[in-house]
Protein backbone atom coordinates (compact mmCIF):
# COMPACT_ATOMS: atom_id res chain seq x y z
CA MET A 1 -16.18 -26.85 -8.74
CA VAL A 2 -19.35 -26.06 -6.88
CA ASP A 3 -22.43 -26.01 -9.13
CA ASP A 4 -25.80 -24.35 -8.58
CA LYS A 5 -27.23 -27.46 -6.93
CA SER A 6 -24.51 -27.45 -4.30
CA ILE A 7 -25.57 -24.14 -2.77
CA GLY A 8 -27.72 -24.55 0.30
CA GLY A 9 -30.71 -22.43 1.18
CA ASP A 10 -28.63 -20.42 3.65
CA GLY A 11 -26.17 -19.42 0.92
CA LYS A 12 -23.39 -21.71 2.19
CA SER A 13 -21.57 -24.09 -0.13
CA ILE A 14 -22.35 -27.74 0.43
CA GLY A 15 -20.06 -30.56 -0.58
CA GLY A 16 -20.57 -34.26 -1.04
CA ASP A 17 -18.54 -37.43 -0.85
CA GLY A 18 -20.31 -39.25 -3.70
CA SER A 19 -22.57 -41.27 -1.41
CA GLY A 20 -25.33 -38.69 -1.22
CA ASN A 21 -24.06 -37.17 2.01
CA THR A 22 -23.45 -33.43 2.08
CA HIS A 23 -21.57 -31.07 4.38
CA ASN A 24 -21.12 -27.35 4.87
CA ILE A 25 -17.87 -26.10 3.33
CA ASN A 26 -15.63 -23.61 5.09
CA PRO A 27 -15.78 -20.34 3.05
CA VAL A 28 -12.01 -20.56 2.63
CA TYR A 29 -12.45 -23.80 0.68
CA ALA A 30 -15.54 -22.77 -1.30
CA LEU A 31 -15.34 -22.43 -5.09
CA SER A 32 -17.91 -20.59 -7.17
CA ASN A 33 -19.09 -21.33 -10.71
CA GLN A 34 -16.48 -18.94 -12.10
CA ASP A 35 -13.60 -20.56 -10.18
CA GLY A 36 -12.79 -23.25 -12.70
CA THR A 37 -9.27 -24.51 -13.37
CA GLY A 38 -9.29 -22.67 -16.71
CA ALA A 39 -9.89 -19.24 -15.16
CA ARG A 40 -7.32 -16.43 -15.27
CA ILE A 41 -7.72 -14.47 -12.05
CA THR A 42 -5.30 -11.69 -13.02
CA HIS A 43 -4.67 -9.94 -16.34
CA VAL A 44 -0.91 -9.65 -15.62
CA GLN A 45 1.16 -12.39 -17.24
CA LEU A 46 4.44 -13.64 -15.82
CA THR A 47 7.02 -13.35 -18.60
CA GLY A 48 10.20 -13.13 -16.51
CA PRO A 49 11.90 -11.23 -13.69
CA LYS A 50 10.76 -7.83 -15.00
CA THR A 51 7.06 -8.69 -14.67
CA TYR A 52 7.33 -10.81 -11.53
CA ALA A 53 6.59 -8.05 -8.99
CA GLU A 54 3.47 -6.83 -10.80
CA TRP A 55 2.30 -10.39 -11.48
CA ALA A 56 2.77 -11.49 -7.86
CA LYS A 57 0.96 -8.42 -6.54
CA GLY A 58 -2.01 -8.93 -8.88
CA PHE A 59 -2.21 -12.62 -8.01
CA ARG A 60 -2.15 -11.97 -4.26
CA VAL A 61 -4.91 -9.35 -4.57
CA ALA A 62 -7.08 -11.75 -6.58
CA LEU A 63 -6.59 -14.60 -4.10
CA GLY A 64 -7.24 -12.27 -1.18
CA ALA A 65 -10.57 -11.29 -2.70
CA LYS A 66 -11.44 -14.98 -2.89
CA ARG A 67 -10.33 -15.66 0.72
CA LYS A 68 -7.60 -18.00 -0.47
CA LEU A 69 -4.44 -15.98 0.10
CA GLY A 70 -3.43 -18.42 2.85
CA PHE A 71 -2.64 -21.08 0.27
CA ILE A 72 0.39 -19.11 -0.96
CA ASP A 73 1.40 -17.04 2.09
CA GLY A 74 1.92 -20.14 4.24
CA THR A 75 -1.02 -19.90 6.66
CA LEU A 76 -2.89 -22.73 4.87
CA ARG A 77 0.09 -24.65 3.53
CA HIS A 78 -0.49 -27.65 5.84
CA LYS A 79 -3.08 -30.22 4.82
CA PRO A 80 -6.01 -30.59 7.29
CA SER A 81 -6.14 -33.80 9.29
CA ASN A 82 -9.91 -34.04 8.96
CA PRO A 83 -10.67 -36.23 5.87
CA THR A 84 -13.61 -34.07 4.77
CA GLU A 85 -11.68 -30.81 5.12
CA TYR A 86 -8.69 -32.40 3.42
CA ALA A 87 -10.76 -33.11 0.30
CA ASP A 88 -11.97 -29.49 0.21
CA TRP A 89 -8.43 -28.18 0.81
CA GLU A 90 -7.05 -30.39 -1.95
CA ALA A 91 -9.64 -29.16 -4.47
CA VAL A 92 -8.74 -25.52 -3.82
CA ASN A 93 -5.02 -26.27 -3.75
CA TYR A 94 -5.00 -27.85 -7.22
CA THR A 95 -7.29 -25.13 -8.57
CA ILE A 96 -4.80 -22.45 -7.47
CA ILE A 97 -1.96 -24.41 -9.05
CA ALA A 98 -3.92 -24.33 -12.31
CA TRP A 99 -4.53 -20.57 -11.92
CA ILE A 100 -0.80 -19.98 -11.44
CA PHE A 101 0.09 -21.85 -14.63
CA ASN A 102 -2.70 -20.04 -16.53
CA THR A 103 -0.97 -16.70 -15.88
CA ILE A 104 2.54 -17.80 -16.91
CA ALA A 105 3.72 -17.07 -20.45
CA PRO A 106 3.83 -20.22 -22.61
CA GLY A 107 7.51 -19.69 -23.34
CA ILE A 108 8.54 -20.22 -19.71
CA ARG A 109 5.63 -22.35 -18.47
CA SER A 110 7.37 -25.58 -19.49
CA SER A 111 10.43 -24.60 -17.47
CA ILE A 112 8.47 -24.28 -14.21
CA SER A 113 8.82 -27.35 -12.02
CA TYR A 114 5.51 -28.87 -10.93
CA ARG A 115 4.75 -28.97 -7.21
CA ASP A 116 1.98 -30.70 -5.28
CA THR A 117 1.08 -27.66 -3.21
CA ALA A 118 0.34 -24.12 -4.32
CA PHE A 119 2.65 -22.79 -1.60
CA ASP A 120 5.67 -24.79 -2.81
CA LEU A 121 5.00 -23.79 -6.43
CA TRP A 122 4.65 -20.14 -5.43
CA GLU A 123 7.93 -20.24 -3.49
CA ASP A 124 9.78 -21.88 -6.40
CA ILE A 125 8.61 -19.14 -8.75
CA ARG A 126 9.50 -16.42 -6.24
CA LYS A 127 13.02 -17.74 -5.73
CA ARG A 128 13.59 -18.03 -9.46
CA PHE A 129 12.23 -14.72 -10.72
CA SER A 130 13.04 -12.45 -7.80
CA VAL A 131 16.82 -12.96 -8.07
CA ALA A 132 17.37 -9.24 -8.61
CA ASN A 133 15.19 -8.27 -5.67
CA ASP A 134 18.14 -7.47 -3.38
CA ILE A 135 19.39 -4.84 -5.84
CA LYS A 136 15.91 -3.38 -6.24
CA ILE A 137 15.32 -3.35 -2.47
CA TYR A 138 18.68 -1.60 -1.97
CA GLN A 139 17.67 1.05 -4.49
CA LEU A 140 14.22 1.53 -2.96
CA GLN A 141 15.59 1.84 0.56
CA GLY A 142 18.05 4.48 -0.66
CA ASP A 143 15.19 6.40 -2.28
CA LEU A 144 13.19 6.06 0.92
CA ALA A 145 16.01 7.42 3.07
CA ALA A 146 16.30 10.44 0.75
CA CYS A 147 12.54 11.04 0.57
CA LYS A 148 11.91 14.41 2.25
CA GLN A 149 9.10 16.93 2.03
CA LYS A 150 10.24 19.62 -0.38
CA PRO A 151 9.83 23.34 0.51
CA GLY A 152 6.31 24.36 -0.43
CA GLU A 153 5.25 20.78 -1.20
CA SER A 154 1.82 19.80 0.11
CA LEU A 155 1.51 17.06 2.70
CA MET A 156 -0.63 15.02 0.30
CA ASP A 157 2.05 15.03 -2.42
CA TYR A 158 4.80 14.11 0.06
CA PHE A 159 2.75 11.27 1.52
CA GLY A 160 1.95 10.00 -1.98
CA ARG A 161 5.65 9.79 -2.87
CA ILE A 162 6.69 7.98 0.31
CA LYS A 163 3.64 5.67 0.23
CA LEU A 164 4.59 4.53 -3.28
CA LEU A 165 8.06 3.58 -2.02
CA TRP A 166 6.56 1.65 0.91
CA ASP A 167 4.31 -0.32 -1.44
CA ASP A 168 7.21 -1.16 -3.76
CA ILE A 169 9.34 -2.36 -0.84
CA ASN A 170 6.47 -4.53 0.43
CA ASP A 171 6.18 -6.09 -3.03
CA TYR A 172 9.88 -6.92 -3.34
CA ASP A 173 10.71 -7.63 0.33
CA VAL A 174 7.98 -10.15 1.15
CA LEU A 175 7.46 -10.86 4.84
CA PRO A 176 8.50 -14.37 5.93
CA ASN A 177 6.30 -16.97 7.57
CA CYS A 178 7.13 -19.27 10.45
CA GLU A 179 8.67 -22.46 9.08
CA CYS A 180 8.22 -24.57 12.21
CA CYS A 181 4.44 -24.25 12.68
CA SER A 182 1.30 -22.52 11.47
CA LYS A 183 0.18 -21.18 14.86
CA CYS A 184 2.51 -18.29 15.67
CA ASP A 185 1.91 -14.94 13.99
CA LEU A 186 5.50 -14.23 12.94
CA GLN A 187 4.38 -12.35 9.82
CA GLY A 188 2.00 -10.16 11.82
CA THR A 189 4.74 -9.25 14.30
CA ILE A 190 7.19 -8.27 11.55
CA ARG A 191 4.48 -6.33 9.69
CA LYS A 192 3.73 -4.31 12.83
CA ARG A 193 7.41 -3.47 13.25
CA ARG A 194 7.65 -2.39 9.61
CA GLU A 195 4.62 -0.11 10.05
CA VAL A 196 6.27 1.55 13.06
CA GLU A 197 9.41 2.15 10.98
CA GLN A 198 7.24 3.73 8.28
CA VAL A 199 5.76 6.16 10.80
CA ARG A 200 9.25 7.17 11.98
CA GLY A 201 10.46 7.63 8.41
CA PHE A 202 7.41 9.72 7.51
CA LEU A 203 7.92 12.00 10.50
CA MET A 204 11.66 12.28 9.85
CA GLY A 205 11.09 13.54 6.31
CA LEU A 206 8.59 16.24 7.26
CA ASP A 207 9.27 19.91 6.66
CA PRO A 208 10.93 21.51 9.75
CA VAL A 209 7.86 23.73 10.19
CA TYR A 210 6.13 20.69 11.69
CA ALA A 211 8.82 20.18 14.33
CA ASN A 212 6.48 20.86 17.27
CA VAL A 213 3.74 18.43 16.26
CA ARG A 214 6.39 15.86 15.29
CA SER A 215 7.98 16.09 18.75
CA SER A 216 4.54 15.76 20.31
CA ILE A 217 3.84 12.51 18.41
CA LEU A 218 7.27 11.00 19.10
CA GLY A 219 7.14 12.02 22.75
CA SER A 220 3.96 10.08 23.54
CA PRO A 221 4.60 6.36 22.86
CA PRO A 222 3.39 4.07 21.53
CA LEU A 223 3.43 5.59 18.07
CA PRO A 224 -0.03 5.91 16.50
CA ASP A 225 -1.08 4.31 13.22
CA ILE A 226 0.25 6.05 10.08
CA HIS A 227 -3.25 7.21 9.15
CA ILE A 228 -3.71 8.87 12.55
CA VAL A 229 -0.30 10.54 12.23
CA TYR A 230 -1.16 11.79 8.75
CA SER A 231 -4.46 13.19 10.03
CA ARG A 232 -2.71 15.14 12.82
CA ILE A 233 -0.13 16.59 10.45
CA ALA A 234 -2.86 17.48 7.94
CA GLN A 235 -4.72 19.41 10.65
CA GLU A 236 -1.53 21.31 11.45
CA GLU A 237 -1.08 22.07 7.75
CA ASP A 238 -4.64 23.48 7.56
CA VAL A 239 -4.02 25.68 10.62
CA ARG A 240 -0.77 27.00 9.16
CA THR A 241 -2.41 27.70 5.79
CA ILE A 242 -5.22 29.70 7.41
CA ALA A 243 -2.80 31.64 9.64
CA GLN A 244 -0.52 32.43 6.72
CA ALA A 245 -3.45 33.69 4.63
CA ARG A 246 -4.51 36.05 7.45
CA GLU A 247 -0.98 37.37 7.92
CA GLU A 248 -0.70 38.17 4.24
CA ALA A 249 -4.09 39.90 4.21
CA PHE A 250 -3.34 42.20 7.17
CA SER A 251 0.43 42.63 6.93
CA PRO A 252 1.56 46.30 7.27
CA MET A 253 4.11 45.65 4.57
CA ALA A 254 1.36 44.43 2.26
CA CYS A 255 -0.66 47.58 2.99
CA ALA A 256 2.41 49.72 2.28
CA VAL A 257 2.98 47.96 -1.02
CA HIS A 258 -0.65 48.21 -2.09
CA GLY A 259 -0.81 51.90 -1.05
CA LYS A 260 2.33 52.92 -2.87
CA GLY A 261 1.52 55.02 -5.94
CA PRO A 262 3.58 56.26 -8.88
CA GLN A 263 6.41 58.69 -8.12
CA VAL A 264 5.61 62.14 -9.58
CA LYS A 265 8.46 64.63 -10.12
CA ASN A 266 8.74 68.19 -11.40
CA GLU A 267 10.59 69.17 -14.57
CA ASN A 268 13.75 69.95 -12.56
CA GLY A 269 13.69 66.46 -11.01
CA SER A 270 12.48 67.48 -7.56
CA ARG A 271 9.42 66.01 -5.92
CA PRO A 272 6.36 68.33 -5.89
CA ARG A 273 5.17 69.73 -2.54
CA PHE A 274 1.63 68.91 -1.62
CA LYS A 275 -0.51 71.01 0.72
CA CYS A 276 -3.21 69.80 3.05
CA THR A 277 -6.62 71.13 1.99
CA HIS A 278 -7.66 71.30 5.66
CA CYS A 279 -4.83 73.22 7.34
CA ASN A 280 -3.04 74.54 4.20
CA LYS A 281 0.30 73.21 5.43
CA ASP A 282 2.85 71.08 3.57
């Protein structure tokens, strides 16, 4: 753990080798005063397969905020060759192992096999508690295929429903990392392809009234980011809402309905004859 005396004047963490020598620590390997081995970095506790998805998501978010997500996603799984960096890497690695065990329920903690690296421990837990993931992914993909914008449903509500399904699929269907090296961006390539599929699915489920703008987006590759697509559809929705409001306000049928009064009849059932006060004609 880095104490107050190990913070340099420039705000960077400084480490030592015990001989009085110090060095600047890479921010990825820096540990603050609150990052002790007894800390619990997420309030979600792993109690079994049912809580695994929520636990894993909370743990990844917490590590990402601390710039240490690479220790479990595979990008920092290999030990540095530099002796100084190796010592820093090892300190963070064992700290994360402690954090993982701190968030596992006591009843199953003893059944978790110990591993020397946080990545290997994380993978062992994933393989054990995500056994039912294939069934869940199958269900989510079915829900995603059936997710369409309902008649009269706002774009915001439709996007919220489909975005929730995307997030659940990302939690259960974790993107793989390259097993042969740590240099290629296999995960980034697959993530980009998944984002393109999300854009296509979002456009496919739109109400048919957006057919023109949908054709315009699909007809000008490459496909834009999902946020850009949403913005364009939202603008079209605003235009349609304004146009519809004007049509309703000035519709001849609406005027006829508003101008229609009660039907007055004589005692014999016939309609009374009215005369014009100007020309005295019926």
